[in-house]
Amino acid sequence: MKRDLFSAISDPNRRRILELLSASPRTVGELAAELGIAQPSATQHLALLREVGAVQFEKRGTASVYRLVDGGLDAVTAWISSLAE
């Protein structure tokens, strides 16, 4: 089942991941440590955020470094903007 961006950001850990990545790219280990969760849990959250197009990663040696996708949150921004009209 394909999830959408709105369901993905309904989880507080995933919203926090987006906040952290908005400041700078981070590894899974760094995100897990900052969230206080196990690395496999962080990986699952990141997989869902990748599925909806909000984040991407690149391999650097053995580490996966995640960053926000440019325009990956546009659907949320557009929806919020439409509420203010």
Protein backbone atom coordinates (compact mmCIF):
# COMPACT_ATOMS: atom_id res chain seq x y z
CA MET A 1 0.00 0.00 0.00
CA LYS A 2 1.43 3.37 -1.04
CA ARG A 3 1.27 5.92 1.76
CA ASP A 4 0.89 9.63 1.25
CA LEU A 5 2.85 12.51 2.69
CA PHE A 6 0.09 13.50 5.12
CA SER A 7 -0.06 10.06 6.73
CA ALA A 8 3.74 9.98 6.86
CA ILE A 9 3.99 13.22 8.82
CA SER A 10 1.25 12.21 11.24
CA ASP A 11 3.91 10.50 13.36
CA PRO A 12 5.83 12.77 15.78
CA ASN A 13 9.14 10.94 15.21
CA ARG A 14 8.89 11.45 11.46
CA ARG A 15 8.06 15.13 11.92
CA ARG A 16 11.11 15.47 14.18
CA ILE A 17 13.27 13.72 11.56
CA LEU A 18 12.12 16.30 9.01
CA GLU A 19 12.95 19.11 11.43
CA LEU A 20 16.43 17.71 12.05
CA LEU A 21 17.09 17.20 8.35
CA SER A 22 15.96 20.74 7.59
CA ALA A 23 18.99 21.93 9.57
CA SER A 24 21.50 19.56 7.95
CA PRO A 25 21.89 16.09 6.44
CA ARG A 26 22.37 13.32 9.02
CA THR A 27 23.13 9.62 9.22
CA VAL A 28 20.64 7.08 10.51
CA GLY A 29 22.73 6.72 13.66
CA GLU A 30 22.73 10.46 14.30
CA LEU A 31 18.96 10.66 13.83
CA ALA A 32 18.34 7.65 16.08
CA ALA A 33 20.52 9.17 18.81
CA GLU A 34 18.81 12.56 18.60
CA LEU A 35 15.37 10.93 18.72
CA GLY A 36 16.30 8.50 21.49
CA ILE A 37 15.10 5.50 19.47
CA ALA A 38 16.76 2.34 18.18
CA GLN A 39 18.50 2.55 14.82
CA PRO A 40 16.14 -0.02 13.20
CA SER A 41 13.17 2.17 14.22
CA ALA A 42 14.81 5.23 12.69
CA THR A 43 15.47 3.23 9.52
CA GLN A 44 11.77 2.28 9.29
CA HIS A 45 10.69 5.92 9.70
CA LEU A 46 13.18 7.00 7.04
CA ALA A 47 12.00 4.28 4.65
CA LEU A 48 8.45 5.61 4.85
CA LEU A 49 9.63 9.20 4.36
CA ARG A 50 11.60 8.01 1.30
CA GLU A 51 8.51 6.22 -0.02
CA VAL A 52 6.51 9.46 -0.01
CA GLY A 53 9.34 11.47 -1.56
CA ALA A 54 10.21 13.63 1.44
CA VAL A 55 13.80 12.44 1.97
CA GLN A 56 16.59 10.84 0.01
CA PHE A 57 19.92 9.31 0.96
CA GLU A 58 23.36 8.71 -0.37
CA LYS A 59 25.88 6.14 0.75
CA ARG A 60 29.11 7.45 2.22
CA GLY A 61 31.21 4.42 2.96
CA THR A 62 29.08 2.27 5.25
CA ALA A 63 26.82 5.16 6.32
CA SER A 64 23.61 6.35 4.71
CA VAL A 65 23.33 10.13 4.88
CA TYR A 66 19.77 11.46 4.64
CA ARG A 67 18.63 14.86 3.47
CA LEU A 68 15.33 16.53 2.58
CA VAL A 69 14.19 16.34 -1.04
CA ASP A 70 13.76 19.76 -2.64
CA GLY A 71 10.00 20.21 -3.03
CA GLY A 72 9.29 17.02 -1.10
CA LEU A 73 6.95 18.82 1.29
CA ASP A 74 5.23 21.01 -1.33
CA ALA A 75 1.89 19.19 -0.98
CA VAL A 76 1.73 20.10 2.71
CA THR A 77 2.79 23.67 2.07
CA ALA A 78 0.16 24.06 -0.67
CA TRP A 79 -2.56 22.62 1.55
CA ILE A 80 -1.69 24.94 4.44
CA SER A 81 -1.62 27.91 2.07
CA SER A 82 -5.05 26.99 0.73
CA LEU A 83 -6.46 27.17 4.26
CA ALA A 84 -5.38 30.78 4.59
CA GLU A 85 -7.16 31.85 1.40
